[in-house]
Amino acid sequence: DGPPDTFEVGASAPPRGTETVLLVEDERVVRETAARLLERHGYRVIATRHGGDALLAWREHAAEIDVLLTDLRMPEVGGESLVARLRAERPTLPVVVMSGYADGQDSQEKALLAGELFLEKPFTTEALLVQLRAALARGGARPGGARPGGAAR
């Protein structure tokens, strides 16, 4: 375990949540750290190793998932393909894309990043939480009338 989260004295507390996050990250340390940070701040996390595992988790838990937090470059099913597949089923799914390749070198990657909230790795706890809240705020209505805020299900 690393040091506890720290924030400047007088700074506002980082945003908390109660939503369920589908976390998709192929690097074990990043996945476990992000999951732990999110859980400490009130989120429920379904953590998967890559897009293939995420699709399986989606089949099982789609009705519970409020937001997708995914790495862009992964084995099997990458972030771009994963976002496209899940958005085909739920067009309003809030998404945050993570990558250590912030320059978005290839044109497909640039196109994906243009429409999604982006979190550059390595990231701070505050950056992670702020981007997640921003994605949820712009996510729209959930199927069945539920809102991304997690109120109705």
N, C-alpha and C. Protein backbone atom coordinates (compact mmCIF):
# COMPACT_ATOMS: atom_id res chain seq x y z
N ASP A 1 0.83 -1.18 0.00
CA ASP A 1 0.00 0.00 0.00
C ASP A 1 0.87 1.24 0.00
N GLY A 2 0.50 2.20 -0.80
CA GLY A 2 1.22 3.45 -0.87
C GLY A 2 0.75 4.38 0.22
N PRO A 3 1.26 5.62 0.23
CA PRO A 3 0.83 6.58 1.23
C PRO A 3 -0.64 6.94 1.03
N PRO A 4 -1.29 7.39 2.10
CA PRO A 4 -2.71 7.75 1.95
C PRO A 4 -2.85 8.94 1.02
N ASP A 5 -4.07 9.11 0.49
CA ASP A 5 -4.35 10.25 -0.37
C ASP A 5 -4.15 11.53 0.44
N THR A 6 -3.49 12.52 -0.14
CA THR A 6 -3.29 13.79 0.55
C THR A 6 -3.77 14.92 -0.33
N PHE A 7 -4.32 15.93 0.31
CA PHE A 7 -4.81 17.11 -0.38
C PHE A 7 -4.38 18.32 0.42
N GLU A 8 -4.23 19.47 -0.24
CA GLU A 8 -3.81 20.69 0.43
C GLU A 8 -4.82 21.06 1.50
N VAL A 9 -4.29 21.62 2.60
CA VAL A 9 -5.16 22.11 3.66
C VAL A 9 -6.05 23.20 3.08
N GLY A 10 -7.32 23.13 3.35
CA GLY A 10 -8.26 24.12 2.85
C GLY A 10 -8.80 23.77 1.47
N ALA A 11 -8.21 22.82 0.79
CA ALA A 11 -8.71 22.42 -0.53
C ALA A 11 -10.00 21.64 -0.34
N SER A 12 -10.88 21.72 -1.31
CA SER A 12 -12.12 20.97 -1.19
C SER A 12 -11.81 19.47 -1.31
N ALA A 13 -12.64 18.68 -0.68
CA ALA A 13 -12.46 17.23 -0.72
C ALA A 13 -12.68 16.74 -2.15
N PRO A 14 -11.98 15.67 -2.53
CA PRO A 14 -12.19 15.13 -3.87
C PRO A 14 -13.61 14.61 -4.02
N PRO A 15 -14.15 14.66 -5.24
CA PRO A 15 -15.53 14.21 -5.43
C PRO A 15 -15.69 12.73 -5.11
N ARG A 16 -16.80 12.41 -4.45
CA ARG A 16 -17.11 11.02 -4.10
C ARG A 16 -18.26 10.54 -4.97
N GLY A 17 -18.49 9.24 -4.96
CA GLY A 17 -19.59 8.69 -5.73
C GLY A 17 -20.11 7.42 -5.11
N THR A 18 -21.20 6.94 -5.67
CA THR A 18 -21.79 5.67 -5.24
C THR A 18 -22.01 4.75 -6.44
N GLU A 19 -21.63 5.23 -7.62
CA GLU A 19 -21.90 4.50 -8.86
C GLU A 19 -21.00 3.28 -9.01
N THR A 20 -21.36 2.45 -9.99
CA THR A 20 -20.56 1.27 -10.32
C THR A 20 -19.71 1.57 -11.55
N VAL A 21 -18.41 1.32 -11.41
CA VAL A 21 -17.42 1.59 -12.45
C VAL A 21 -16.95 0.26 -13.05
N LEU A 22 -17.02 0.15 -14.37
CA LEU A 22 -16.38 -0.96 -15.06
C LEU A 22 -14.98 -0.47 -15.39
N LEU A 23 -13.98 -0.98 -14.67
CA LEU A 23 -12.58 -0.59 -14.82
C LEU A 23 -11.87 -1.62 -15.68
N VAL A 24 -11.24 -1.16 -16.76
CA VAL A 24 -10.58 -2.07 -17.70
C VAL A 24 -9.13 -1.61 -17.86
N GLU A 25 -8.20 -2.40 -17.35
CA GLU A 25 -6.79 -2.03 -17.35
C GLU A 25 -5.94 -3.29 -17.35
N ASP A 26 -5.03 -3.40 -18.33
CA ASP A 26 -4.23 -4.62 -18.43
C ASP A 26 -3.03 -4.64 -17.49
N GLU A 27 -2.60 -3.50 -16.98
CA GLU A 27 -1.48 -3.47 -16.04
C GLU A 27 -2.02 -3.68 -14.63
N ARG A 28 -1.63 -4.81 -14.02
CA ARG A 28 -2.17 -5.22 -12.72
C ARG A 28 -2.03 -4.13 -11.66
N VAL A 29 -0.86 -3.53 -11.54
CA VAL A 29 -0.63 -2.53 -10.51
C VAL A 29 -1.54 -1.32 -10.71
N VAL A 30 -1.69 -0.86 -11.94
CA VAL A 30 -2.56 0.27 -12.23
C VAL A 30 -4.01 -0.10 -11.94
N ARG A 31 -4.42 -1.29 -12.36
CA ARG A 31 -5.81 -1.74 -12.14
C ARG A 31 -6.12 -1.82 -10.64
N GLU A 32 -5.23 -2.44 -9.87
CA GLU A 32 -5.48 -2.61 -8.45
C GLU A 32 -5.45 -1.27 -7.71
N THR A 33 -4.53 -0.39 -8.09
CA THR A 33 -4.44 0.92 -7.45
C THR A 33 -5.68 1.75 -7.75
N ALA A 34 -6.09 1.79 -9.02
CA ALA A 34 -7.28 2.56 -9.40
C ALA A 34 -8.52 2.01 -8.69
N ALA A 35 -8.66 0.69 -8.64
CA ALA A 35 -9.82 0.09 -7.98
C ALA A 35 -9.84 0.46 -6.51
N ARG A 36 -8.71 0.39 -5.85
CA ARG A 36 -8.63 0.73 -4.43
C ARG A 36 -8.99 2.20 -4.19
N LEU A 37 -8.46 3.10 -5.03
CA LEU A 37 -8.77 4.53 -4.89
C LEU A 37 -10.26 4.79 -5.08
N LEU A 38 -10.83 4.17 -6.10
CA LEU A 38 -12.26 4.38 -6.36
C LEU A 38 -13.12 3.85 -5.22
N GLU A 39 -12.78 2.67 -4.72
CA GLU A 39 -13.55 2.10 -3.62
C GLU A 39 -13.45 2.96 -2.36
N ARG A 40 -12.27 3.53 -2.09
CA ARG A 40 -12.10 4.43 -0.95
C ARG A 40 -12.98 5.67 -1.06
N HIS A 41 -13.34 6.02 -2.27
CA HIS A 41 -14.14 7.21 -2.49
C HIS A 41 -15.60 6.89 -2.83
N GLY A 42 -16.04 5.69 -2.43
CA GLY A 42 -17.46 5.37 -2.47
C GLY A 42 -17.96 4.58 -3.66
N TYR A 43 -17.13 4.37 -4.66
CA TYR A 43 -17.57 3.66 -5.87
C TYR A 43 -17.53 2.15 -5.68
N ARG A 44 -18.39 1.47 -6.40
CA ARG A 44 -18.31 0.02 -6.53
C ARG A 44 -17.53 -0.23 -7.82
N VAL A 45 -16.59 -1.16 -7.81
CA VAL A 45 -15.72 -1.37 -8.96
C VAL A 45 -15.79 -2.82 -9.43
N ILE A 46 -15.98 -2.96 -10.74
CA ILE A 46 -15.84 -4.26 -11.40
C ILE A 46 -14.57 -4.12 -12.24
N ALA A 47 -13.49 -4.74 -11.78
CA ALA A 47 -12.18 -4.58 -12.43
C ALA A 47 -11.89 -5.77 -13.34
N THR A 48 -11.47 -5.46 -14.57
CA THR A 48 -11.15 -6.49 -15.55
C THR A 48 -9.79 -6.20 -16.19
N ARG A 49 -9.16 -7.27 -16.74
CA ARG A 49 -7.80 -7.19 -17.28
C ARG A 49 -7.71 -6.61 -18.68
N HIS A 50 -8.74 -6.77 -19.47
CA HIS A 50 -8.71 -6.30 -20.86
C HIS A 50 -10.13 -6.28 -21.40
N GLY A 51 -10.26 -5.82 -22.64
CA GLY A 51 -11.58 -5.66 -23.23
C GLY A 51 -12.39 -6.94 -23.32
N GLY A 52 -11.72 -8.07 -23.56
CA GLY A 52 -12.44 -9.35 -23.62
C GLY A 52 -13.11 -9.68 -22.30
N ASP A 53 -12.36 -9.51 -21.21
CA ASP A 53 -12.94 -9.73 -19.88
C ASP A 53 -14.03 -8.71 -19.57
N ALA A 54 -13.84 -7.48 -20.04
CA ALA A 54 -14.83 -6.43 -19.81
C ALA A 54 -16.15 -6.77 -20.49
N LEU A 55 -16.08 -7.32 -21.70
CA LEU A 55 -17.30 -7.71 -22.41
C LEU A 55 -18.06 -8.80 -21.65
N LEU A 56 -17.31 -9.73 -21.07
CA LEU A 56 -17.95 -10.78 -20.25
C LEU A 56 -18.61 -10.15 -19.01
N ALA A 57 -17.91 -9.25 -18.35
CA ALA A 57 -18.46 -8.58 -17.17
C ALA A 57 -19.69 -7.76 -17.54
N TRP A 58 -19.64 -7.12 -18.72
CA TRP A 58 -20.77 -6.32 -19.20
C TRP A 58 -22.00 -7.20 -19.38
N ARG A 59 -21.82 -8.38 -19.97
CA ARG A 59 -22.96 -9.29 -20.17
C ARG A 59 -23.63 -9.65 -18.85
N GLU A 60 -22.81 -9.77 -17.80
CA GLU A 60 -23.32 -10.17 -16.50
C GLU A 60 -23.88 -9.00 -15.69
N HIS A 61 -23.29 -7.82 -15.85
CA HIS A 61 -23.60 -6.70 -14.95
C HIS A 61 -24.01 -5.41 -15.65
N ALA A 62 -24.39 -5.45 -16.91
CA ALA A 62 -24.69 -4.23 -17.67
C ALA A 62 -25.67 -3.31 -16.96
N ALA A 63 -26.70 -3.87 -16.36
CA ALA A 63 -27.72 -3.05 -15.70
C ALA A 63 -27.17 -2.30 -14.49
N GLU A 64 -26.08 -2.79 -13.92
CA GLU A 64 -25.49 -2.18 -12.72
C GLU A 64 -24.43 -1.14 -13.07
N ILE A 65 -23.83 -1.20 -14.25
CA ILE A 65 -22.68 -0.38 -14.59
C ILE A 65 -23.11 1.03 -14.97
N ASP A 66 -22.52 2.01 -14.30
CA ASP A 66 -22.85 3.42 -14.52
C ASP A 66 -21.84 4.13 -15.41
N VAL A 67 -20.59 3.67 -15.43
CA VAL A 67 -19.54 4.37 -16.16
C VAL A 67 -18.43 3.38 -16.52
N LEU A 68 -17.81 3.62 -17.67
CA LEU A 68 -16.68 2.81 -18.14
C LEU A 68 -15.40 3.62 -17.98
N LEU A 69 -14.41 3.05 -17.32
CA LEU A 69 -13.07 3.63 -17.20
C LEU A 69 -12.12 2.63 -17.82
N THR A 70 -11.61 2.95 -19.03
CA THR A 70 -10.85 1.95 -19.77
C THR A 70 -9.51 2.48 -20.29
N ASP A 71 -8.54 1.58 -20.26
CA ASP A 71 -7.27 1.86 -20.91
C ASP A 71 -7.54 1.84 -22.41
N LEU A 72 -6.71 2.53 -23.16
CA LEU A 72 -6.90 2.59 -24.60
C LEU A 72 -6.23 1.41 -25.31
N ARG A 73 -5.01 1.12 -24.93
CA ARG A 73 -4.25 0.07 -25.60
C ARG A 73 -4.14 -1.15 -24.69
N MET A 74 -4.78 -2.24 -25.15
CA MET A 74 -4.80 -3.48 -24.37
C MET A 74 -4.79 -4.66 -25.32
N PRO A 75 -4.38 -5.84 -24.82
CA PRO A 75 -4.47 -7.04 -25.65
C PRO A 75 -5.91 -7.48 -25.84
N GLU A 76 -6.14 -8.35 -26.79
CA GLU A 76 -7.45 -8.93 -27.13
C GLU A 76 -8.39 -7.88 -27.70
N VAL A 77 -9.12 -7.18 -26.86
CA VAL A 77 -10.04 -6.13 -27.32
C VAL A 77 -9.54 -4.82 -26.73
N GLY A 78 -9.13 -3.89 -27.58
CA GLY A 78 -8.62 -2.60 -27.12
C GLY A 78 -9.73 -1.66 -26.70
N GLY A 79 -9.34 -0.53 -26.13
CA GLY A 79 -10.30 0.44 -25.61
C GLY A 79 -11.24 1.00 -26.65
N GLU A 80 -10.72 1.31 -27.82
CA GLU A 80 -11.56 1.88 -28.88
C GLU A 80 -12.68 0.91 -29.27
N SER A 81 -12.32 -0.35 -29.48
CA SER A 81 -13.31 -1.36 -29.85
C SER A 81 -14.31 -1.59 -28.71
N LEU A 82 -13.80 -1.62 -27.49
CA LEU A 82 -14.67 -1.84 -26.33
C LEU A 82 -15.69 -0.72 -26.21
N VAL A 83 -15.25 0.53 -26.32
CA VAL A 83 -16.17 1.66 -26.23
C VAL A 83 -17.24 1.55 -27.32
N ALA A 84 -16.83 1.24 -28.55
CA ALA A 84 -17.78 1.13 -29.66
C ALA A 84 -18.82 0.03 -29.39
N ARG A 85 -18.38 -1.11 -28.89
CA ARG A 85 -19.30 -2.22 -28.64
C ARG A 85 -20.29 -1.89 -27.52
N LEU A 86 -19.79 -1.30 -26.44
CA LEU A 86 -20.70 -0.99 -25.33
C LEU A 86 -21.64 0.15 -25.68
N ARG A 87 -21.15 1.12 -26.43
CA ARG A 87 -22.01 2.23 -26.84
C ARG A 87 -23.06 1.77 -27.86
N ALA A 88 -22.80 0.69 -28.59
CA ALA A 88 -23.81 0.15 -29.50
C ALA A 88 -25.02 -0.33 -28.69
N GLU A 89 -24.76 -0.81 -27.47
CA GLU A 89 -25.84 -1.26 -26.60
C GLU A 89 -26.42 -0.14 -25.74
N ARG A 90 -25.55 0.78 -25.31
CA ARG A 90 -26.00 1.90 -24.47
C ARG A 90 -25.29 3.17 -24.94
N PRO A 91 -25.90 3.88 -25.88
CA PRO A 91 -25.26 5.06 -26.48
C PRO A 91 -24.88 6.15 -25.49
N THR A 92 -25.56 6.23 -24.35
CA THR A 92 -25.28 7.29 -23.38
C THR A 92 -24.29 6.87 -22.29
N LEU A 93 -23.66 5.71 -22.45
CA LEU A 93 -22.72 5.22 -21.43
C LEU A 93 -21.60 6.24 -21.21
N PRO A 94 -21.44 6.74 -19.99
CA PRO A 94 -20.32 7.64 -19.70
C PRO A 94 -19.00 6.87 -19.79
N VAL A 95 -17.99 7.51 -20.39
CA VAL A 95 -16.70 6.86 -20.62
C VAL A 95 -15.56 7.80 -20.26
N VAL A 96 -14.54 7.24 -19.62
CA VAL A 96 -13.25 7.91 -19.44
C VAL A 96 -12.21 6.96 -20.00
N VAL A 97 -11.38 7.49 -20.93
CA VAL A 97 -10.33 6.70 -21.56
C VAL A 97 -9.01 7.08 -20.92
N MET A 98 -8.23 6.06 -20.52
CA MET A 98 -6.90 6.28 -19.93
C MET A 98 -5.84 5.84 -20.92
N SER A 99 -4.70 6.53 -20.90
CA SER A 99 -3.57 6.09 -21.70
C SER A 99 -2.30 6.78 -21.23
N GLY A 100 -1.20 6.08 -21.39
CA GLY A 100 0.10 6.67 -21.14
C GLY A 100 0.64 7.29 -22.41
N TYR A 101 -0.13 7.18 -23.50
CA TYR A 101 0.27 7.70 -24.81
C TYR A 101 -0.59 8.92 -25.11
N ALA A 102 -0.32 10.01 -24.42
CA ALA A 102 -1.19 11.19 -24.48
C ALA A 102 -1.17 11.89 -25.83
N ASP A 103 -0.15 11.63 -26.64
CA ASP A 103 -0.08 12.36 -27.90
C ASP A 103 -1.05 11.81 -28.94
N GLY A 104 -1.64 10.64 -28.70
CA GLY A 104 -2.65 10.09 -29.60
C GLY A 104 -2.13 10.01 -31.03
N GLN A 105 -1.06 9.26 -31.25
CA GLN A 105 -0.35 9.29 -32.52
C GLN A 105 -1.14 8.82 -33.72
N ASP A 106 -1.89 7.74 -33.62
CA ASP A 106 -2.58 7.31 -34.84
C ASP A 106 -3.94 8.00 -34.97
N SER A 107 -4.43 8.09 -36.19
CA SER A 107 -5.63 8.89 -36.47
C SER A 107 -6.88 8.32 -35.80
N GLN A 108 -6.99 7.00 -35.70
CA GLN A 108 -8.15 6.42 -35.03
C GLN A 108 -8.14 6.78 -33.55
N GLU A 109 -6.97 6.74 -32.93
CA GLU A 109 -6.85 7.09 -31.53
C GLU A 109 -7.23 8.56 -31.32
N LYS A 110 -6.79 9.44 -32.21
CA LYS A 110 -7.13 10.85 -32.11
C LYS A 110 -8.63 11.05 -32.22
N ALA A 111 -9.27 10.33 -33.11
CA ALA A 111 -10.72 10.44 -33.30
C ALA A 111 -11.45 10.00 -32.03
N LEU A 112 -11.00 8.90 -31.41
CA LEU A 112 -11.63 8.42 -30.18
C LEU A 112 -11.45 9.44 -29.07
N LEU A 113 -10.24 9.94 -28.92
CA LEU A 113 -9.96 10.87 -27.83
C LEU A 113 -10.70 12.19 -28.00
N ALA A 114 -11.01 12.56 -29.21
CA ALA A 114 -11.71 13.83 -29.46
C ALA A 114 -13.10 13.83 -28.83
N GLY A 115 -13.74 12.66 -28.74
CA GLY A 115 -15.10 12.60 -28.23
C GLY A 115 -15.22 12.10 -26.81
N GLU A 116 -14.13 11.71 -26.19
CA GLU A 116 -14.19 11.11 -24.86
C GLU A 116 -13.37 11.90 -23.87
N LEU A 117 -13.73 11.79 -22.61
CA LEU A 117 -12.91 12.36 -21.55
C LEU A 117 -11.65 11.52 -21.45
N PHE A 118 -10.53 12.18 -21.23
CA PHE A 118 -9.23 11.51 -21.26
C PHE A 118 -8.52 11.68 -19.93
N LEU A 119 -7.88 10.61 -19.47
CA LEU A 119 -7.09 10.61 -18.25
C LEU A 119 -5.70 10.10 -18.59
N GLU A 120 -4.71 10.98 -18.49
CA GLU A 120 -3.34 10.59 -18.82
C GLU A 120 -2.71 9.85 -17.65
N LYS A 121 -2.06 8.71 -17.97
CA LYS A 121 -1.32 7.95 -16.96
C LYS A 121 0.12 8.43 -16.96
N PRO A 122 0.75 8.52 -15.81
CA PRO A 122 0.18 8.30 -14.48
C PRO A 122 -0.74 9.45 -14.09
N PHE A 123 -1.72 9.14 -13.24
CA PHE A 123 -2.70 10.15 -12.85
C PHE A 123 -2.74 10.27 -11.33
N THR A 124 -3.25 11.40 -10.88
CA THR A 124 -3.45 11.62 -9.45
C THR A 124 -4.84 11.12 -9.06
N THR A 125 -5.02 10.92 -7.78
CA THR A 125 -6.34 10.52 -7.29
C THR A 125 -7.38 11.57 -7.67
N GLU A 126 -7.04 12.82 -7.47
CA GLU A 126 -7.98 13.89 -7.77
C GLU A 126 -8.35 13.92 -9.25
N ALA A 127 -7.35 13.76 -10.14
CA ALA A 127 -7.63 13.76 -11.58
C ALA A 127 -8.57 12.61 -11.95
N LEU A 128 -8.34 11.45 -11.37
CA LEU A 128 -9.20 10.28 -11.63
C LEU A 128 -10.63 10.57 -11.20
N LEU A 129 -10.80 11.07 -10.00
CA LEU A 129 -12.14 11.32 -9.47
C LEU A 129 -12.86 12.44 -10.22
N VAL A 130 -12.14 13.49 -10.58
CA VAL A 130 -12.75 14.60 -11.30
C VAL A 130 -13.21 14.16 -12.69
N GLN A 131 -12.39 13.40 -13.41
CA GLN A 131 -12.77 12.94 -14.74
C GLN A 131 -13.97 11.98 -14.67
N LEU A 132 -13.98 11.13 -13.67
CA LEU A 132 -15.11 10.21 -13.51
C LEU A 132 -16.41 10.97 -13.26
N ARG A 133 -16.38 11.97 -12.38
CA ARG A 133 -17.57 12.78 -12.11
C ARG A 133 -18.00 13.53 -13.36
N ALA A 134 -17.04 14.05 -14.12
CA ALA A 134 -17.37 14.77 -15.35
C ALA A 134 -18.05 13.85 -16.35
N ALA A 135 -17.55 12.63 -16.49
CA ALA A 135 -18.17 11.67 -17.41
C ALA A 135 -19.59 11.35 -16.97
N LEU A 136 -19.79 11.13 -15.69
CA LEU A 136 -21.11 10.81 -15.18
C LEU A 136 -22.07 11.99 -15.37
N ALA A 137 -21.57 13.20 -15.20
CA ALA A 137 -22.41 14.38 -15.35
C ALA A 137 -22.89 14.56 -16.78
N ARG A 138 -22.08 14.18 -17.76
CA ARG A 138 -22.50 14.36 -19.15
C ARG A 138 -23.06 13.09 -19.76
N GLY A 139 -23.25 12.04 -18.97
CA GLY A 139 -23.63 10.73 -19.47
C GLY A 139 -25.06 10.57 -19.94
N GLY A 140 -25.98 11.39 -19.44
CA GLY A 140 -27.37 11.23 -19.89
C GLY A 140 -28.12 10.20 -19.08
N ALA A 141 -29.32 9.93 -19.51
CA ALA A 141 -30.22 9.02 -18.79
C ALA A 141 -29.83 7.57 -19.01
N ARG A 142 -30.06 6.78 -17.99
CA ARG A 142 -29.85 5.33 -18.05
C ARG A 142 -31.12 4.67 -18.56
N PRO A 143 -31.00 3.45 -19.11
CA PRO A 143 -32.20 2.71 -19.51
C PRO A 143 -33.14 2.53 -18.32
N GLY A 144 -34.42 2.60 -18.58
CA GLY A 144 -35.39 2.41 -17.51
C GLY A 144 -35.59 3.64 -16.65
N GLY A 145 -35.06 4.78 -17.09
CA GLY A 145 -35.28 6.02 -16.37
C GLY A 145 -34.25 6.35 -15.32
N ALA A 146 -33.33 5.46 -15.03
CA ALA A 146 -32.32 5.74 -14.01
C ALA A 146 -31.31 6.74 -14.56
N ARG A 147 -30.78 7.57 -13.70
CA ARG A 147 -29.77 8.56 -14.08
C ARG A 147 -28.40 8.05 -13.67
N PRO A 148 -27.32 8.52 -14.29
CA PRO A 148 -26.00 8.09 -13.93
C PRO A 148 -25.64 8.38 -12.48
N GLY A 149 -26.33 9.27 -11.84
CA GLY A 149 -26.05 9.56 -10.43
C GLY A 149 -26.33 8.40 -9.51
N GLY A 150 -26.92 7.34 -10.00
CA GLY A 150 -27.13 6.13 -9.23
C GLY A 150 -28.41 6.11 -8.41
N ALA A 151 -29.28 7.09 -8.57
CA ALA A 151 -30.47 7.18 -7.74
C ALA A 151 -31.46 6.06 -8.02
N ALA A 152 -32.05 6.02 -9.17
CA ALA A 152 -33.07 5.01 -9.47
C ALA A 152 -32.48 3.85 -10.25
N ARG A 153 -32.94 2.69 -9.95
CA ARG A 153 -32.49 1.50 -10.69
C ARG A 153 -33.65 0.60 -10.94
